[in-house]
Amino acid sequence: MKIDAITKLEKADISGMLVAIILILVAVLALWDTTEMTDADSFVFPRAIAISMISFCILFIVTQMIYPSIEGNDEARVVGGSTTRRIGLVLAMVVSSLLMPWLGFLVSGVLAFGSIMMLAMYDEWTLSRRLLFPFAGIVIVIGFYFMFAELLLVPLPVGTLFE
């Protein structure tokens, strides 16, 4: 039985579990940071996201310990890795965040989604993907904009170029 546990741990996504632990620590820090907020409108959203992040990270860690999946991970079979893509994804998010005050949430969100989609696509761009993915991205970004701006009344940047 002890050998089975060691074999399972060897097959587990250890790096993913370490990232999950780091994200749990970040979420705990975010929860702690909201303790000084007195207005419910200010702390409800960060707490909900932090609690969700902690829950999903714990679920991932437990799942990896019970059913390790490194053999089923496509990235484990990729030779050479994709460091360039990973750096590009981070840069796309940072650049879109920096452009948000000028372009607004909606435009920078669509640009971020598009650039991330282009960088993250490993498979061949078929005609259906070329049509469906950008459409889905625009619908998702507009949906999040509507949800935050209209339903949750979160003030989102409009962008100084469009005022």
C-alpha atoms as a PDB file:
ATOM      1  CA  MET A   1       0.000   0.000   0.000  1.00  0.00           C
ATOM      2  CA  LYS A   2       2.852   2.361   0.791  1.00  0.00           C
ATOM      3  CA  ILE A   3       4.340   1.748  -2.661  1.00  0.00           C
ATOM      4  CA  ASP A   4       1.019   2.699  -4.305  1.00  0.00           C
ATOM      5  CA  ALA A   5       1.005   6.022  -2.424  1.00  0.00           C
ATOM      6  CA  ILE A   6       4.578   6.775  -3.511  1.00  0.00           C
ATOM      7  CA  THR A   7       3.785   5.836  -7.121  1.00  0.00           C
ATOM      8  CA  LYS A   8       0.706   8.071  -7.074  1.00  0.00           C
ATOM      9  CA  LEU A   9       2.718  10.978  -5.694  1.00  0.00           C
ATOM     10  CA  GLU A  10       5.342  10.508  -8.406  1.00  0.00           C
ATOM     11  CA  LYS A  11       2.623  10.754 -11.070  1.00  0.00           C
ATOM     12  CA  ALA A  12       0.935  13.773  -9.479  1.00  0.00           C
ATOM     13  CA  ASP A  13       1.298  17.255 -10.913  1.00  0.00           C
ATOM     14  CA  ILE A  14       3.648  18.511  -8.198  1.00  0.00           C
ATOM     15  CA  SER A  15       4.337  21.856  -9.876  1.00  0.00           C
ATOM     16  CA  GLY A  16       0.601  22.438 -10.263  1.00  0.00           C
ATOM     17  CA  MET A  17       0.078  21.608  -6.610  1.00  0.00           C
ATOM     18  CA  LEU A  18       2.823  24.071  -5.619  1.00  0.00           C
ATOM     19  CA  VAL A  19       1.166  26.796  -7.695  1.00  0.00           C
ATOM     20  CA  ALA A  20      -2.158  25.937  -6.015  1.00  0.00           C
ATOM     21  CA  ILE A  21      -0.521  26.363  -2.594  1.00  0.00           C
ATOM     22  CA  ILE A  22       0.895  29.750  -3.653  1.00  0.00           C
ATOM     23  CA  LEU A  23      -2.554  30.805  -4.898  1.00  0.00           C
ATOM     24  CA  ILE A  24      -4.086  29.719  -1.582  1.00  0.00           C
ATOM     25  CA  LEU A  25      -1.591  31.938   0.235  1.00  0.00           C
ATOM     26  CA  VAL A  26      -2.412  34.858  -2.087  1.00  0.00           C
ATOM     27  CA  ALA A  27      -6.143  34.312  -1.493  1.00  0.00           C
ATOM     28  CA  VAL A  28      -5.633  34.185   2.281  1.00  0.00           C
ATOM     29  CA  LEU A  29      -3.699  37.448   2.038  1.00  0.00           C
ATOM     30  CA  ALA A  30      -6.579  38.958   0.026  1.00  0.00           C
ATOM     31  CA  LEU A  31      -9.077  37.759   2.642  1.00  0.00           C
ATOM     32  CA  TRP A  32      -6.984  39.263   5.415  1.00  0.00           C
ATOM     33  CA  ASP A  33      -6.729  42.524   3.471  1.00  0.00           C
ATOM     34  CA  THR A  34     -10.533  42.781   3.314  1.00  0.00           C
ATOM     35  CA  THR A  35     -10.932  42.589   7.099  1.00  0.00           C
ATOM     36  CA  GLU A  36     -10.444  46.343   7.421  1.00  0.00           C
ATOM     37  CA  MET A  37     -13.096  47.156   4.811  1.00  0.00           C
ATOM     38  CA  THR A  38     -16.306  48.339   6.434  1.00  0.00           C
ATOM     39  CA  ASP A  39     -18.530  48.742   3.381  1.00  0.00           C
ATOM     40  CA  ALA A  40     -20.093  45.475   2.194  1.00  0.00           C
ATOM     41  CA  ASP A  41     -19.925  46.694  -1.398  1.00  0.00           C
ATOM     42  CA  SER A  42     -16.154  46.815  -1.058  1.00  0.00           C
ATOM     43  CA  PHE A  43     -15.423  43.417   0.456  1.00  0.00           C
ATOM     44  CA  VAL A  44     -18.061  41.043  -0.926  1.00  0.00           C
ATOM     45  CA  PHE A  45     -16.495  40.545  -4.348  1.00  0.00           C
ATOM     46  CA  PRO A  46     -12.847  40.084  -3.238  1.00  0.00           C
ATOM     47  CA  ARG A  47     -13.929  37.674  -0.516  1.00  0.00           C
ATOM     48  CA  ALA A  48     -16.072  35.660  -2.910  1.00  0.00           C
ATOM     49  CA  ILE A  49     -13.206  35.374  -5.395  1.00  0.00           C
ATOM     50  CA  ALA A  50     -10.672  34.508  -2.671  1.00  0.00           C
ATOM     51  CA  ILE A  51     -12.911  31.841  -1.139  1.00  0.00           C
ATOM     52  CA  SER A  52     -13.600  30.376  -4.589  1.00  0.00           C
ATOM     53  CA  MET A  53      -9.884  30.347  -5.388  1.00  0.00           C
ATOM     54  CA  ILE A  54      -9.055  28.598  -2.111  1.00  0.00           C
ATOM     55  CA  SER A  55     -11.812  26.034  -2.686  1.00  0.00           C
ATOM     56  CA  PHE A  56     -10.744  25.214  -6.233  1.00  0.00           C
ATOM     57  CA  CYS A  57      -7.065  25.021  -5.264  1.00  0.00           C
ATOM     58  CA  ILE A  58      -7.832  22.629  -2.421  1.00  0.00           C
ATOM     59  CA  LEU A  59     -10.010  20.585  -4.777  1.00  0.00           C
ATOM     60  CA  PHE A  60      -7.139  20.433  -7.285  1.00  0.00           C
ATOM     61  CA  ILE A  61      -4.626  19.331  -4.643  1.00  0.00           C
ATOM     62  CA  VAL A  62      -6.927  16.647  -3.236  1.00  0.00           C
ATOM     63  CA  THR A  63      -7.777  15.422  -6.736  1.00  0.00           C
ATOM     64  CA  GLN A  64      -4.085  15.195  -7.638  1.00  0.00           C
ATOM     65  CA  MET A  65      -3.382  13.203  -4.493  1.00  0.00           C
ATOM     66  CA  ILE A  66      -6.235  10.755  -5.166  1.00  0.00           C
ATOM     67  CA  TYR A  67      -6.113  10.593  -8.978  1.00  0.00           C
ATOM     68  CA  PRO A  68      -2.752  11.861 -10.220  1.00  0.00           C
ATOM     69  CA  SER A  69      -2.947  13.062 -13.796  1.00  0.00           C
ATOM     70  CA  ILE A  70       0.555  13.930 -14.972  1.00  0.00           C
ATOM     71  CA  GLU A  71       0.382  11.112 -17.519  1.00  0.00           C
ATOM     72  CA  GLY A  72      -2.807  12.608 -18.947  1.00  0.00           C
ATOM     73  CA  ASN A  73      -1.312  16.090 -19.061  1.00  0.00           C
ATOM     74  CA  ASP A  74      -0.569  17.092 -22.674  1.00  0.00           C
ATOM     75  CA  GLU A  75       2.088  19.518 -21.521  1.00  0.00           C
ATOM     76  CA  ALA A  76       4.035  16.683 -19.845  1.00  0.00           C
ATOM     77  CA  ARG A  77       4.564  15.175 -23.299  1.00  0.00           C
ATOM     78  CA  VAL A  78       5.587  18.417 -24.995  1.00  0.00           C
ATOM     79  CA  VAL A  79       9.301  18.532 -25.643  1.00  0.00           C
ATOM     80  CA  GLY A  80      10.955  21.926 -25.165  1.00  0.00           C
ATOM     81  CA  GLY A  81       8.094  23.521 -23.256  1.00  0.00           C
ATOM     82  CA  SER A  82       6.422  26.784 -24.129  1.00  0.00           C
ATOM     83  CA  THR A  83       8.174  29.427 -22.068  1.00  0.00           C
ATOM     84  CA  THR A  84       7.751  31.994 -24.843  1.00  0.00           C
ATOM     85  CA  ARG A  85       3.978  31.503 -24.820  1.00  0.00           C
ATOM     86  CA  ARG A  86       3.823  31.724 -21.038  1.00  0.00           C
ATOM     87  CA  ILE A  87       5.750  34.985 -21.039  1.00  0.00           C
ATOM     88  CA  GLY A  88       3.505  36.242 -23.844  1.00  0.00           C
ATOM     89  CA  LEU A  89       0.379  35.415 -21.846  1.00  0.00           C
ATOM     90  CA  VAL A  90       1.643  37.342 -18.834  1.00  0.00           C
ATOM     91  CA  LEU A  91       2.673  40.276 -21.042  1.00  0.00           C
ATOM     92  CA  ALA A  92      -0.741  40.304 -22.738  1.00  0.00           C
ATOM     93  CA  MET A  93      -2.480  40.536 -19.367  1.00  0.00           C
ATOM     94  CA  VAL A  94      -0.108  43.216 -18.060  1.00  0.00           C
ATOM     95  CA  VAL A  95      -0.322  45.319 -21.236  1.00  0.00           C
ATOM     96  CA  SER A  96      -4.128  45.095 -21.314  1.00  0.00           C
ATOM     97  CA  SER A  97      -4.249  46.141 -17.651  1.00  0.00           C
ATOM     98  CA  LEU A  98      -1.992  49.098 -18.363  1.00  0.00           C
ATOM     99  CA  LEU A  99      -4.088  50.131 -21.380  1.00  0.00           C
ATOM    100  CA  MET A 100      -7.369  49.886 -19.461  1.00  0.00           C
ATOM    101  CA  PRO A 101      -7.376  53.504 -18.192  1.00  0.00           C
ATOM    102  CA  TRP A 102      -7.140  54.755 -21.802  1.00  0.00           C
ATOM    103  CA  LEU A 103      -9.127  52.096 -23.696  1.00  0.00           C
ATOM    104  CA  GLY A 104     -11.580  51.104 -20.994  1.00  0.00           C
ATOM    105  CA  PHE A 105     -12.522  47.690 -19.660  1.00  0.00           C
ATOM    106  CA  LEU A 106     -14.478  46.560 -22.701  1.00  0.00           C
ATOM    107  CA  VAL A 107     -11.909  47.333 -25.416  1.00  0.00           C
ATOM    108  CA  SER A 108      -8.873  46.220 -23.419  1.00  0.00           C
ATOM    109  CA  GLY A 109     -10.751  43.079 -22.354  1.00  0.00           C
ATOM    110  CA  VAL A 110     -11.485  42.132 -25.964  1.00  0.00           C
ATOM    111  CA  LEU A 111      -7.865  42.859 -26.949  1.00  0.00           C
ATOM    112  CA  ALA A 112      -6.564  40.807 -24.008  1.00  0.00           C
ATOM    113  CA  PHE A 113      -8.869  37.904 -24.790  1.00  0.00           C
ATOM    114  CA  GLY A 114      -7.863  37.976 -28.460  1.00  0.00           C
ATOM    115  CA  SER A 115      -4.141  38.093 -27.799  1.00  0.00           C
ATOM    116  CA  ILE A 116      -4.336  35.406 -25.104  1.00  0.00           C
ATOM    117  CA  MET A 117      -6.411  33.227 -27.419  1.00  0.00           C
ATOM    118  CA  MET A 118      -3.843  33.576 -30.205  1.00  0.00           C
ATOM    119  CA  LEU A 119      -0.941  32.810 -27.866  1.00  0.00           C
ATOM    120  CA  ALA A 120      -2.594  29.886 -26.113  1.00  0.00           C
ATOM    121  CA  MET A 121      -3.878  28.052 -29.201  1.00  0.00           C
ATOM    122  CA  TYR A 122      -1.869  24.889 -29.732  1.00  0.00           C
ATOM    123  CA  ASP A 123      -4.225  23.263 -32.208  1.00  0.00           C
ATOM    124  CA  GLU A 124      -4.684  24.130 -35.852  1.00  0.00           C
ATOM    125  CA  TRP A 125      -6.894  27.117 -36.632  1.00  0.00           C
ATOM    126  CA  THR A 126      -9.781  25.517 -38.483  1.00  0.00           C
ATOM    127  CA  LEU A 127     -12.511  27.620 -40.079  1.00  0.00           C
ATOM    128  CA  SER A 128     -14.940  26.864 -37.265  1.00  0.00           C
ATOM    129  CA  ARG A 129     -12.360  27.905 -34.634  1.00  0.00           C
ATOM    130  CA  ARG A 130     -11.601  31.112 -36.547  1.00  0.00           C
ATOM    131  CA  LEU A 131     -15.288  32.000 -36.442  1.00  0.00           C
ATOM    132  CA  LEU A 132     -16.401  30.560 -33.113  1.00  0.00           C
ATOM    133  CA  PHE A 133     -13.523  31.530 -30.795  1.00  0.00           C
ATOM    134  CA  PRO A 134     -13.495  35.296 -31.485  1.00  0.00           C
ATOM    135  CA  PHE A 135     -17.295  35.360 -31.291  1.00  0.00           C
ATOM    136  CA  ALA A 136     -17.242  33.476 -27.970  1.00  0.00           C
ATOM    137  CA  GLY A 137     -14.524  35.804 -26.658  1.00  0.00           C
ATOM    138  CA  ILE A 138     -16.482  38.938 -27.492  1.00  0.00           C
ATOM    139  CA  VAL A 139     -19.651  37.475 -25.946  1.00  0.00           C
ATOM    140  CA  ILE A 140     -17.746  36.499 -22.766  1.00  0.00           C
ATOM    141  CA  VAL A 141     -16.094  39.907 -22.353  1.00  0.00           C
ATOM    142  CA  ILE A 142     -19.359  41.768 -23.010  1.00  0.00           C
ATOM    143  CA  GLY A 143     -21.128  39.380 -20.621  1.00  0.00           C
ATOM    144  CA  PHE A 144     -18.616  40.077 -17.852  1.00  0.00           C
ATOM    145  CA  TYR A 145     -18.821  43.805 -18.560  1.00  0.00           C
ATOM    146  CA  PHE A 146     -22.611  43.716 -18.306  1.00  0.00           C
ATOM    147  CA  MET A 147     -22.515  41.562 -15.158  1.00  0.00           C
ATOM    148  CA  PHE A 148     -20.053  43.814 -13.337  1.00  0.00           C
ATOM    149  CA  ALA A 149     -21.203  47.216 -14.609  1.00  0.00           C
ATOM    150  CA  GLU A 150     -24.971  46.722 -14.692  1.00  0.00           C
ATOM    151  CA  LEU A 151     -25.830  43.920 -12.258  1.00  0.00           C
ATOM    152  CA  LEU A 152     -23.139  44.291  -9.592  1.00  0.00           C
ATOM    153  CA  LEU A 153     -22.755  48.061 -10.162  1.00  0.00           C
ATOM    154  CA  VAL A 154     -18.949  47.866 -10.151  1.00  0.00           C
ATOM    155  CA  PRO A 155     -17.522  51.061 -11.647  1.00  0.00           C
ATOM    156  CA  LEU A 156     -15.386  49.926 -14.583  1.00  0.00           C
ATOM    157  CA  PRO A 157     -13.014  52.180 -16.506  1.00  0.00           C
ATOM    158  CA  VAL A 158     -14.600  53.659 -19.613  1.00  0.00           C
ATOM    159  CA  GLY A 159     -11.308  54.886 -21.023  1.00  0.00           C
ATOM    160  CA  THR A 160     -10.159  58.433 -21.553  1.00  0.00           C
ATOM    161  CA  LEU A 161      -9.999  57.970 -25.338  1.00  0.00           C
ATOM    162  CA  PHE A 162     -13.763  57.343 -25.485  1.00  0.00           C
ATOM    163  CA  GLU A 163     -15.021  60.017 -23.077  1.00  0.00           C
END
